[in-house]
PDB file of all heavy atoms in Angstrom:
ATOM      1  N   HIS A   1     250.693  70.838 120.896  1.00  0.00           N
ATOM      2  CA  HIS A   1     249.959  71.643 121.863  1.00  0.00           C
ATOM      3  C   HIS A   1     250.862  71.891 123.070  1.00  0.00           C
ATOM      4  O   HIS A   1     251.948  71.310 123.189  1.00  0.00           O
ATOM      5  CB  HIS A   1     248.654  70.959 122.280  1.00  0.00           C
ATOM      6  CG  HIS A   1     248.806  69.558 122.769  1.00  0.00           C
ATOM      7  ND1 HIS A   1     249.189  69.239 124.056  1.00  0.00           N
ATOM      8  CD2 HIS A   1     248.638  68.375 122.129  1.00  0.00           C
ATOM      9  CE1 HIS A   1     249.244  67.939 124.195  1.00  0.00           C
ATOM     10  NE2 HIS A   1     248.919  67.373 123.041  1.00  0.00           N
ATOM     11  N   THR A   2     250.434  72.707 123.971  1.00  0.00           N
ATOM     12  CA  THR A   2     251.300  73.185 125.054  1.00  0.00           C
ATOM     13  C   THR A   2     251.770  72.073 125.966  1.00  0.00           C
ATOM     14  O   THR A   2     252.905  72.109 126.469  1.00  0.00           O
ATOM     15  CB  THR A   2     250.550  74.250 125.870  1.00  0.00           C
ATOM     16  OG1 THR A   2     250.060  75.261 124.984  1.00  0.00           O
ATOM     17  CG2 THR A   2     251.478  74.900 126.891  1.00  0.00           C
ATOM     18  N   ASP A   3     250.965  71.055 126.200  1.00  0.00           N
ATOM     19  CA  ASP A   3     251.315  69.975 127.127  1.00  0.00           C
ATOM     20  C   ASP A   3     251.839  68.731 126.414  1.00  0.00           C
ATOM     21  O   ASP A   3     251.896  67.652 127.022  1.00  0.00           O
ATOM     22  CB  ASP A   3     250.088  69.603 127.971  1.00  0.00           C
ATOM     23  CG  ASP A   3     249.628  70.746 128.862  1.00  0.00           C
ATOM     24  OD1 ASP A   3     250.505  71.512 129.302  1.00  0.00           O
ATOM     25  OD2 ASP A   3     248.422  70.884 129.097  1.00  0.00           O
ATOM     26  N   SER A   4     252.208  68.839 125.164  1.00  0.00           N
ATOM     27  CA  SER A   4     252.682  67.671 124.413  1.00  0.00           C
ATOM     28  C   SER A   4     254.120  67.338 124.784  1.00  0.00           C
ATOM     29  O   SER A   4     254.846  68.152 125.376  1.00  0.00           O
ATOM     30  CB  SER A   4     252.583  67.943 122.913  1.00  0.00           C
ATOM     31  OG  SER A   4     253.441  69.013 122.549  1.00  0.00           O
ATOM     32  N   THR A   5     254.522  66.142 124.418  1.00  0.00           N
ATOM     33  CA  THR A   5     255.912  65.730 124.662  1.00  0.00           C
ATOM     34  C   THR A   5     256.888  66.613 123.914  1.00  0.00           C
ATOM     35  O   THR A   5     257.985  66.893 124.405  1.00  0.00           O
ATOM     36  CB  THR A   5     256.097  64.266 124.236  1.00  0.00           C
ATOM     37  OG1 THR A   5     255.150  63.448 124.923  1.00  0.00           O
ATOM     38  CG2 THR A   5     257.503  63.777 124.537  1.00  0.00           C
ATOM     39  N   TRP A   6     256.498  67.078 122.720  1.00  0.00           N
ATOM     40  CA  TRP A   6     257.375  67.945 121.947  1.00  0.00           C
ATOM     41  C   TRP A   6     257.631  69.256 122.674  1.00  0.00           C
ATOM     42  O   TRP A   6     258.760  69.765 122.694  1.00  0.00           O
ATOM     43  CB  TRP A   6     256.768  68.209 120.580  1.00  0.00           C
ATOM     44  CG  TRP A   6     257.511  69.226 119.770  1.00  0.00           C
ATOM     45  CD1 TRP A   6     257.157  70.504 119.524  1.00  0.00           C
ATOM     46  CD2 TRP A   6     258.778  69.047 119.131  1.00  0.00           C
ATOM     47  NE1 TRP A   6     258.089  71.143 118.769  1.00  0.00           N
ATOM     48  CE2 TRP A   6     259.107  70.262 118.504  1.00  0.00           C
ATOM     49  CE3 TRP A   6     259.647  67.975 119.025  1.00  0.00           C
ATOM     50  CZ2 TRP A   6     260.266  70.439 117.788  1.00  0.00           C
ATOM     51  CZ3 TRP A   6     260.818  68.144 118.299  1.00  0.00           C
ATOM     52  CH2 TRP A   6     261.117  69.360 117.697  1.00  0.00           C
ATOM     53  N   ALA A   7     256.631  69.821 123.319  1.00  0.00           N
ATOM     54  CA  ALA A   7     256.782  71.119 123.975  1.00  0.00           C
ATOM     55  C   ALA A   7     257.412  70.999 125.363  1.00  0.00           C
ATOM     56  O   ALA A   7     258.166  71.883 125.785  1.00  0.00           O
ATOM     57  CB  ALA A   7     255.432  71.812 124.076  1.00  0.00           C
ATOM     58  N   ARG A   8     257.116  69.941 126.090  1.00  0.00           N
ATOM     59  CA  ARG A   8     257.561  69.819 127.476  1.00  0.00           C
ATOM     60  C   ARG A   8     258.745  68.871 127.658  1.00  0.00           C
ATOM     61  O   ARG A   8     259.345  68.817 128.722  1.00  0.00           O
ATOM     62  CB  ARG A   8     256.395  69.334 128.353  1.00  0.00           C
ATOM     63  CG  ARG A   8     255.264  70.334 128.466  1.00  0.00           C
ATOM     64  CD  ARG A   8     254.089  69.745 129.237  1.00  0.00           C
ATOM     65  NE  ARG A   8     254.505  69.222 130.529  1.00  0.00           N
ATOM     66  CZ  ARG A   8     254.634  69.940 131.638  1.00  0.00           C
ATOM     67  NH1 ARG A   8     254.380  71.246 131.579  1.00  0.00           N
ATOM     68  NH2 ARG A   8     254.994  69.381 132.773  1.00  0.00           N
ATOM     69  N   GLY A   9     259.077  68.090 126.613  1.00  0.00           N
ATOM     70  CA  GLY A   9     260.167  67.138 126.735  1.00  0.00           C
ATOM     71  C   GLY A   9     259.681  65.773 127.184  1.00  0.00           C
ATOM     72  O   GLY A   9     258.556  65.633 127.674  1.00  0.00           O
ATOM     73  N   PRO A  10     260.517  64.744 127.023  1.00  0.00           N
ATOM     74  CA  PRO A  10     260.115  63.388 127.428  1.00  0.00           C
ATOM     75  C   PRO A  10     259.868  63.303 128.939  1.00  0.00           C
ATOM     76  O   PRO A  10     260.456  64.044 129.728  1.00  0.00           O
ATOM     77  CB  PRO A  10     261.291  62.519 126.984  1.00  0.00           C
ATOM     78  CG  PRO A  10     262.436  63.451 126.842  1.00  0.00           C
ATOM     79  CD  PRO A  10     261.882  64.778 126.461  1.00  0.00           C
ATOM     80  N   ALA A  11     259.035  62.359 129.322  1.00  0.00           N
ATOM     81  CA  ALA A  11     258.606  62.251 130.720  1.00  0.00           C
ATOM     82  C   ALA A  11     259.749  61.880 131.658  1.00  0.00           C
ATOM     83  O   ALA A  11     259.761  62.296 132.828  1.00  0.00           O
ATOM     84  CB  ALA A  11     257.487  61.218 130.830  1.00  0.00           C
ATOM     85  N   PHE A  12     260.742  61.122 131.183  1.00  0.00           N
ATOM     86  CA  PHE A  12     261.784  60.670 132.103  1.00  0.00           C
ATOM     87  C   PHE A  12     262.682  61.800 132.581  1.00  0.00           C
ATOM     88  O   PHE A  12     263.382  61.678 133.593  1.00  0.00           O
ATOM     89  CB  PHE A  12     262.616  59.542 131.479  1.00  0.00           C
ATOM     90  CG  PHE A  12     263.490  59.973 130.337  1.00  0.00           C
ATOM     91  CD1 PHE A  12     264.734  60.523 130.545  1.00  0.00           C
ATOM     92  CD2 PHE A  12     263.067  59.801 129.017  1.00  0.00           C
ATOM     93  CE1 PHE A  12     265.548  60.903 129.491  1.00  0.00           C
ATOM     94  CE2 PHE A  12     263.875  60.170 127.956  1.00  0.00           C
ATOM     95  CZ  PHE A  12     265.115  60.725 128.193  1.00  0.00           C
ATOM     96  N   LEU A  13     262.690  62.958 131.869  1.00  0.00           N
ATOM     97  CA  LEU A  13     263.498  64.087 132.315  1.00  0.00           C
ATOM     98  C   LEU A  13     262.970  64.687 133.612  1.00  0.00           C
ATOM     99  O   LEU A  13     263.706  65.382 134.328  1.00  0.00           O
ATOM    100  CB  LEU A  13     263.551  65.165 131.228  1.00  0.00           C
ATOM    101  CG  LEU A  13     264.395  64.860 129.981  1.00  0.00           C
ATOM    102  CD1 LEU A  13     264.398  66.049 129.032  1.00  0.00           C
ATOM    103  CD2 LEU A  13     265.822  64.491 130.353  1.00  0.00           C
ATOM    104  N   TYR A  14     261.698  64.457 133.911  1.00  0.00           N
ATOM    105  CA  TYR A  14     261.112  65.002 135.138  1.00  0.00           C
ATOM    106  C   TYR A  14     261.404  64.111 136.339  1.00  0.00           C
ATOM    107  O   TYR A  14     261.052  64.462 137.467  1.00  0.00           O
ATOM    108  CB  TYR A  14     259.607  65.166 134.965  1.00  0.00           C
ATOM    109  CG  TYR A  14     259.227  66.237 133.955  1.00  0.00           C
ATOM    110  CD1 TYR A  14     259.137  65.943 132.599  1.00  0.00           C
ATOM    111  CD2 TYR A  14     258.992  67.550 134.356  1.00  0.00           C
ATOM    112  CE1 TYR A  14     258.808  66.915 131.670  1.00  0.00           C
ATOM    113  CE2 TYR A  14     258.654  68.539 133.432  1.00  0.00           C
ATOM    114  CZ  TYR A  14     258.586  68.204 132.092  1.00  0.00           C
ATOM    115  OH  TYR A  14     258.254  69.183 131.185  1.00  0.00           O
ATOM    116  N   LYS A  15     262.028  62.958 136.103  1.00  0.00           N
ATOM    117  CA  LYS A  15     262.358  62.047 137.192  1.00  0.00           C
ATOM    118  C   LYS A  15     263.806  62.255 137.619  1.00  0.00           C
ATOM    119  O   LYS A  15     264.565  62.997 137.000  1.00  0.00           O
ATOM    120  CB  LYS A  15     262.139  60.598 136.744  1.00  0.00           C
ATOM    121  CG  LYS A  15     260.703  60.309 136.286  1.00  0.00           C
ATOM    122  CD  LYS A  15     260.575  58.871 135.802  1.00  0.00           C
ATOM    123  CE  LYS A  15     259.169  58.587 135.300  1.00  0.00           C
ATOM    124  NZ  LYS A  15     259.016  57.192 134.804  1.00  0.00           N
ATOM    125  N   SER A  16     264.201  61.587 138.664  1.00  0.00           N
ATOM    126  CA  SER A  16     265.584  61.673 139.126  1.00  0.00           C
ATOM    127  C   SER A  16     266.503  60.963 138.138  1.00  0.00           C
ATOM    128  O   SER A  16     266.075  60.113 137.349  1.00  0.00           O
ATOM    129  CB  SER A  16     265.716  61.050 140.512  1.00  0.00           C
ATOM    130  OG  SER A  16     265.370  59.672 140.462  1.00  0.00           O
ATOM    131  N   GLU A  17     267.773  61.289 138.204  1.00  0.00           N
ATOM    132  CA  GLU A  17     268.719  60.742 137.239  1.00  0.00           C
ATOM    133  C   GLU A  17     268.833  59.230 137.351  1.00  0.00           C
ATOM    134  O   GLU A  17     269.145  58.549 136.363  1.00  0.00           O
ATOM    135  CB  GLU A  17     270.092  61.392 137.435  1.00  0.00           C
ATOM    136  CG  GLU A  17     271.122  60.982 136.400  1.00  0.00           C
ATOM    137  CD  GLU A  17     272.412  61.761 136.509  1.00  0.00           C
ATOM    138  OE1 GLU A  17     272.459  62.735 137.281  1.00  0.00           O
ATOM    139  OE2 GLU A  17     273.379  61.376 135.813  1.00  0.00           O
ATOM    140  N   GLN A  18     268.586  58.659 138.526  1.00  0.00           N
ATOM    141  CA  GLN A  18     268.665  57.210 138.686  1.00  0.00           C
ATOM    142  C   GLN A  18     267.595  56.478 137.868  1.00  0.00           C
ATOM    143  O   GLN A  18     267.741  55.291 137.571  1.00  0.00           O
ATOM    144  CB  GLN A  18     268.518  56.833 140.165  1.00  0.00           C
ATOM    145  CG  GLN A  18     269.714  57.195 141.034  1.00  0.00           C
ATOM    146  CD  GLN A  18     269.807  58.692 141.299  1.00  0.00           C
ATOM    147  OE1 GLN A  18     268.800  59.408 141.171  1.00  0.00           O
ATOM    148  NE2 GLN A  18     270.992  59.156 141.691  1.00  0.00           N
ATOM    149  N   GLU A  19     266.532  57.182 137.486  1.00  0.00           N
ATOM    150  CA  GLU A  19     265.439  56.565 136.733  1.00  0.00           C
ATOM    151  C   GLU A  19     265.539  56.846 135.230  1.00  0.00           C
ATOM    152  O   GLU A  19     264.640  56.475 134.483  1.00  0.00           O
ATOM    153  CB  GLU A  19     264.093  57.058 137.266  1.00  0.00           C
ATOM    154  CG  GLU A  19     263.850  56.745 138.733  1.00  0.00           C
ATOM    155  CD  GLU A  19     262.488  57.230 139.200  1.00  0.00           C
ATOM    156  OE1 GLU A  19     261.477  56.841 138.563  1.00  0.00           O
ATOM    157  OE2 GLU A  19     262.434  57.997 140.170  1.00  0.00           O
ATOM    158  N   TRP A  20     266.592  57.507 134.796  1.00  0.00           N
ATOM    159  CA  TRP A  20     266.769  57.764 133.363  1.00  0.00           C
ATOM    160  C   TRP A  20     267.143  56.463 132.657  1.00  0.00           C
ATOM    161  O   TRP A  20     267.714  55.555 133.269  1.00  0.00           O
ATOM    162  CB  TRP A  20     267.869  58.790 133.140  1.00  0.00           C
ATOM    163  CG  TRP A  20     267.496  60.184 133.582  1.00  0.00           C
ATOM    164  CD1 TRP A  20     266.285  60.596 134.055  1.00  0.00           C
ATOM    165  CD2 TRP A  20     268.357  61.319 133.596  1.00  0.00           C
ATOM    166  NE1 TRP A  20     266.321  61.924 134.376  1.00  0.00           N
ATOM    167  CE2 TRP A  20     267.592  62.410 134.088  1.00  0.00           C
ATOM    168  CE3 TRP A  20     269.666  61.542 133.256  1.00  0.00           C
ATOM    169  CZ2 TRP A  20     268.107  63.687 134.242  1.00  0.00           C
ATOM    170  CZ3 TRP A  20     270.200  62.813 133.389  1.00  0.00           C
ATOM    171  CH2 TRP A  20     269.432  63.873 133.880  1.00  0.00           C
ATOM    172  N   PRO A  21     266.851  56.377 131.362  1.00  0.00           N
ATOM    173  CA  PRO A  21     267.247  55.170 130.609  1.00  0.00           C
ATOM    174  C   PRO A  21     268.757  54.983 130.655  1.00  0.00           C
ATOM    175  O   PRO A  21     269.527  55.939 130.500  1.00  0.00           O
ATOM    176  CB  PRO A  21     266.762  55.455 129.189  1.00  0.00           C
ATOM    177  CG  PRO A  21     265.717  56.493 129.344  1.00  0.00           C
ATOM    178  CD  PRO A  21     266.082  57.313 130.533  1.00  0.00           C
ATOM    179  N   GLU A  22     269.169  53.761 130.866  1.00  0.00           N
ATOM    180  CA  GLU A  22     270.590  53.484 130.982  1.00  0.00           C
ATOM    181  C   GLU A  22     270.899  52.141 130.339  1.00  0.00           C
ATOM    182  O   GLU A  22     270.134  51.185 130.457  1.00  0.00           O
ATOM    183  CB  GLU A  22     271.018  53.477 132.446  1.00  0.00           C
ATOM    184  CG  GLU A  22     272.521  53.405 132.637  1.00  0.00           C
ATOM    185  CD  GLU A  22     272.934  53.583 134.086  1.00  0.00           C
ATOM    186  OE1 GLU A  22     272.046  53.730 134.952  1.00  0.00           O
ATOM    187  OE2 GLU A  22     274.154  53.571 134.350  1.00  0.00           O
ATOM    188  N   LYS A  23     272.020  52.089 129.647  1.00  0.00           N
ATOM    189  CA  LYS A  23     272.451  50.869 128.982  1.00  0.00           C
ATOM    190  C   LYS A  23     273.967  50.898 128.886  1.00  0.00           C
ATOM    191  O   LYS A  23     274.568  51.973 128.716  1.00  0.00           O
ATOM    192  CB  LYS A  23     271.835  50.762 127.579  1.00  0.00           C
ATOM    193  CG  LYS A  23     272.216  49.526 126.805  1.00  0.00           C
ATOM    194  CD  LYS A  23     271.591  49.537 125.409  1.00  0.00           C
ATOM    195  CE  LYS A  23     272.011  48.334 124.596  1.00  0.00           C
ATOM    196  NZ  LYS A  23     271.446  48.357 123.234  1.00  0.00           N
ATOM    197  N   GLU A  24     274.582  49.756 128.980  1.00  0.00           N
ATOM    198  CA  GLU A  24     276.034  49.679 128.871  1.00  0.00           C
ATOM    199  C   GLU A  24     276.476  50.152 127.491  1.00  0.00           C
ATOM    200  O   GLU A  24     275.909  49.760 126.474  1.00  0.00           O
ATOM    201  CB  GLU A  24     276.502  48.247 129.112  1.00  0.00           C
ATOM    202  CG  GLU A  24     278.013  48.099 129.125  1.00  0.00           C
ATOM    203  CD  GLU A  24     278.442  46.676 129.384  1.00  0.00           C
ATOM    204  OE1 GLU A  24     277.555  45.825 129.645  1.00  0.00           O
ATOM    205  OE2 GLU A  24     279.660  46.405 129.326  1.00  0.00           O
ATOM    206  N   MET A  25     277.470  51.012 127.467  1.00  0.00           N
ATOM    207  CA  MET A  25     277.940  51.571 126.205  1.00  0.00           C
ATOM    208  C   MET A  25     278.503  50.474 125.315  1.00  0.00           C
ATOM    209  O   MET A  25     279.168  49.548 125.798  1.00  0.00           O
ATOM    210  CB  MET A  25     279.008  52.625 126.464  1.00  0.00           C
ATOM    211  CG  MET A  25     278.504  53.833 127.233  1.00  0.00           C
ATOM    212  SD  MET A  25     277.280  54.781 126.306  1.00  0.00           S
ATOM    213  CE  MET A  25     278.321  55.630 125.164  1.00  0.00           C
ATOM    214  N   PRO A  26     278.253  50.532 123.990  1.00  0.00           N
ATOM    215  CA  PRO A  26     278.771  49.497 123.080  1.00  0.00           C
ATOM    216  C   PRO A  26     280.282  49.543 123.021  1.00  0.00           C
ATOM    217  O   PRO A  26     280.906  50.576 123.275  1.00  0.00           O
ATOM    218  CB  PRO A  26     278.141  49.877 121.730  1.00  0.00           C
ATOM    219  CG  PRO A  26     277.861  51.338 121.841  1.00  0.00           C
ATOM    220  CD  PRO A  26     277.502  51.574 123.281  1.00  0.00           C
ATOM    221  N   PRO A  27     280.922  48.435 122.688  1.00  0.00           N
ATOM    222  CA  PRO A  27     282.392  48.410 122.621  1.00  0.00           C
ATOM    223  C   PRO A  27     282.913  49.307 121.511  1.00  0.00           C
ATOM    224  O   PRO A  27     282.231  49.541 120.500  1.00  0.00           O
ATOM    225  CB  PRO A  27     282.713  46.936 122.352  1.00  0.00           C
ATOM    226  CG  PRO A  27     281.470  46.386 121.725  1.00  0.00           C
ATOM    227  CD  PRO A  27     280.333  47.116 122.362  1.00  0.00           C
ATOM    228  N   ALA A  28     284.108  49.799 121.706  1.00  0.00           N
ATOM    229  CA  ALA A  28     284.731  50.671 120.707  1.00  0.00           C
ATOM    230  C   ALA A  28     285.244  49.853 119.524  1.00  0.00           C
ATOM    231  O   ALA A  28     285.224  48.619 119.529  1.00  0.00           O
ATOM    232  CB  ALA A  28     285.876  51.459 121.347  1.00  0.00           C
ATOM    233  N   ASN A  29     285.682  50.582 118.480  1.00  0.00           N
ATOM    234  CA  ASN A  29     286.305  49.980 117.291  1.00  0.00           C
ATOM    235  C   ASN A  29     285.371  49.008 116.575  1.00  0.00           C
ATOM    236  O   ASN A  29     285.707  47.854 116.300  1.00  0.00           O
ATOM    237  CB  ASN A  29     287.606  49.263 117.666  1.00  0.00           C
ATOM    238  CG  ASN A  29     288.621  50.201 118.264  1.00  0.00           C
ATOM    239  OD1 ASN A  29     288.716  51.359 117.873  1.00  0.00           O
ATOM    240  ND2 ASN A  29     289.374  49.720 119.240  1.00  0.00           N
ATOM    241  N   THR A  30     284.160  49.472 116.287  1.00  0.00           N
ATOM    242  CA  THR A  30     283.237  48.672 115.497  1.00  0.00           C
ATOM    243  C   THR A  30     283.774  48.494 114.082  1.00  0.00           C
ATOM    244  O   THR A  30     284.550  49.316 113.579  1.00  0.00           O
ATOM    245  CB  THR A  30     281.858  49.334 115.453  1.00  0.00           C
ATOM    246  OG1 THR A  30     280.979  48.564 114.628  1.00  0.00           O
ATOM    247  CG2 THR A  30     281.939  50.731 114.889  1.00  0.00           C
ATOM    248  N   MET A  31     283.356  47.430 113.420  1.00  0.00           N
ATOM    249  CA  MET A  31     283.825  47.133 112.066  1.00  0.00           C
ATOM    250  C   MET A  31     283.081  47.928 111.003  1.00  0.00           C
ATOM    251  O   MET A  31     283.466  47.917 109.842  1.00  0.00           O
ATOM    252  CB  MET A  31     283.655  45.639 111.783  1.00  0.00           C
ATOM    253  CG  MET A  31     284.405  44.730 112.764  1.00  0.00           C
ATOM    254  SD  MET A  31     286.184  44.917 112.645  1.00  0.00           S
ATOM    255  CE  MET A  31     286.472  44.172 111.044  1.00  0.00           C
ATOM    256  N   GLU A  32     282.021  48.634 111.382  1.00  0.00           N
ATOM    257  CA  GLU A  32     281.228  49.410 110.423  1.00  0.00           C
ATOM    258  C   GLU A  32     282.050  50.571 109.880  1.00  0.00           C
ATOM    259  O   GLU A  32     282.654  51.338 110.633  1.00  0.00           O
ATOM    260  CB  GLU A  32     279.969  49.948 111.106  1.00  0.00           C
ATOM    261  CG  GLU A  32     278.983  50.627 110.181  1.00  0.00           C
ATOM    262  CD  GLU A  32     278.140  49.644 109.390  1.00  0.00           C
ATOM    263  OE1 GLU A  32     277.991  48.507 109.853  1.00  0.00           O
ATOM    264  OE2 GLU A  32     277.629  50.023 108.326  1.00  0.00           O
ATOM    265  N   GLU A  33     282.093  50.711 108.540  1.00  0.00           N
ATOM    266  CA  GLU A  33     282.791  51.799 107.844  1.00  0.00           C
ATOM    267  C   GLU A  33     284.304  51.790 108.115  1.00  0.00           C
ATOM    268  O   GLU A  33     284.959  52.823 108.026  1.00  0.00           O
ATOM    269  CB  GLU A  33     282.214  53.162 108.254  1.00  0.00           C
ATOM    270  CG  GLU A  33     280.768  53.363 107.883  1.00  0.00           C
ATOM    271  CD  GLU A  33     280.577  53.585 106.395  1.00  0.00           C
ATOM    272  OE1 GLU A  33     281.568  53.884 105.717  1.00  0.00           O
ATOM    273  OE2 GLU A  33     279.429  53.469 105.920  1.00  0.00           O
ATOM    274  N   LEU A  34     284.871  50.636 108.437  1.00  0.00           N
ATOM    275  CA  LEU A  34     286.295  50.556 108.709  1.00  0.00           C
ATOM    276  C   LEU A  34     287.078  50.698 107.406  1.00  0.00           C
ATOM    277  O   LEU A  34     286.651  50.229 106.363  1.00  0.00           O
ATOM    278  CB  LEU A  34     286.629  49.223 109.372  1.00  0.00           C
ATOM    279  CG  LEU A  34     287.978  49.102 110.065  1.00  0.00           C
ATOM    280  CD1 LEU A  34     288.048  50.024 111.271  1.00  0.00           C
ATOM    281  CD2 LEU A  34     288.210  47.665 110.494  1.00  0.00           C
ATOM    282  N   ARG A  35     288.204  51.382 107.472  1.00  0.00           N
ATOM    283  CA  ARG A  35     289.073  51.501 106.294  1.00  0.00           C
ATOM    284  C   ARG A  35     289.595  50.125 105.950  1.00  0.00           C
ATOM    285  O   ARG A  35     290.311  49.489 106.735  1.00  0.00           O
ATOM    286  CB  ARG A  35     290.238  52.450 106.576  1.00  0.00           C
ATOM    287  CG  ARG A  35     289.821  53.896 106.741  1.00  0.00           C
ATOM    288  CD  ARG A  35     290.979  54.730 107.263  1.00  0.00           C
ATOM    289  NE  ARG A  35     292.050  54.778 106.300  1.00  0.00           N
ATOM    290  CZ  ARG A  35     292.243  55.757 105.433  1.00  0.00           C
ATOM    291  NH1 ARG A  35     291.397  56.770 105.402  1.00  0.00           N
ATOM    292  NH2 ARG A  35     293.255  55.736 104.607  1.00  0.00           N
ATOM    293  N   ILE A  36     289.278  49.642 104.763  1.00  0.00           N
ATOM    294  CA  ILE A  36     289.536  48.246 104.411  1.00  0.00           C
ATOM    295  C   ILE A  36     291.018  47.924 104.381  1.00  0.00           C
ATOM    296  O   ILE A  36     291.441  46.867 104.825  1.00  0.00           O
ATOM    297  CB  ILE A  36     288.884  47.917 103.052  1.00  0.00           C
ATOM    298  CG1 ILE A  36     287.376  48.106 103.152  1.00  0.00           C
ATOM    299  CG2 ILE A  36     289.208  46.518 102.614  1.00  0.00           C
ATOM    300  CD1 ILE A  36     286.651  47.879 101.858  1.00  0.00           C
ATOM    301  N   HIS A  37     291.841  48.848 103.900  1.00  0.00           N
ATOM    302  CA  HIS A  37     293.246  48.499 103.733  1.00  0.00           C
ATOM    303  C   HIS A  37     293.965  48.291 105.057  1.00  0.00           C
ATOM    304  O   HIS A  37     295.063  47.748 105.084  1.00  0.00           O
ATOM    305  CB  HIS A  37     293.963  49.562 102.901  1.00  0.00           C
ATOM    306  CG  HIS A  37     294.123  50.876 103.602  1.00  0.00           C
ATOM    307  ND1 HIS A  37     293.211  51.898 103.497  1.00  0.00           N
ATOM    308  CD2 HIS A  37     295.087  51.311 104.443  1.00  0.00           C
ATOM    309  CE1 HIS A  37     293.620  52.929 104.210  1.00  0.00           C
ATOM    310  NE2 HIS A  37     294.749  52.598 104.798  1.00  0.00           N
ATOM    311  N   LEU A  38     293.354  48.705 106.172  1.00  0.00           N
ATOM    312  CA  LEU A  38     293.980  48.471 107.460  1.00  0.00           C
ATOM    313  C   LEU A  38     293.889  47.008 107.888  1.00  0.00           C
ATOM    314  O   LEU A  38     294.552  46.587 108.813  1.00  0.00           O
ATOM    315  CB  LEU A  38     293.318  49.354 108.525  1.00  0.00           C
ATOM    316  CG  LEU A  38     293.549  50.861 108.362  1.00  0.00           C
ATOM    317  CD1 LEU A  38     292.788  51.616 109.421  1.00  0.00           C
ATOM    318  CD2 LEU A  38     295.017  51.198 108.448  1.00  0.00           C
TER     319      LEU A  38
END
């Protein structure tokens, strides 16, 4: 419907950037899907 989250976007976008979800970025070079022979 017109006022749904799908049509208007998530609620946090209407807030200031300081209130957006934030988390420390994961470390690089994860072992997932790593080329085994390396």
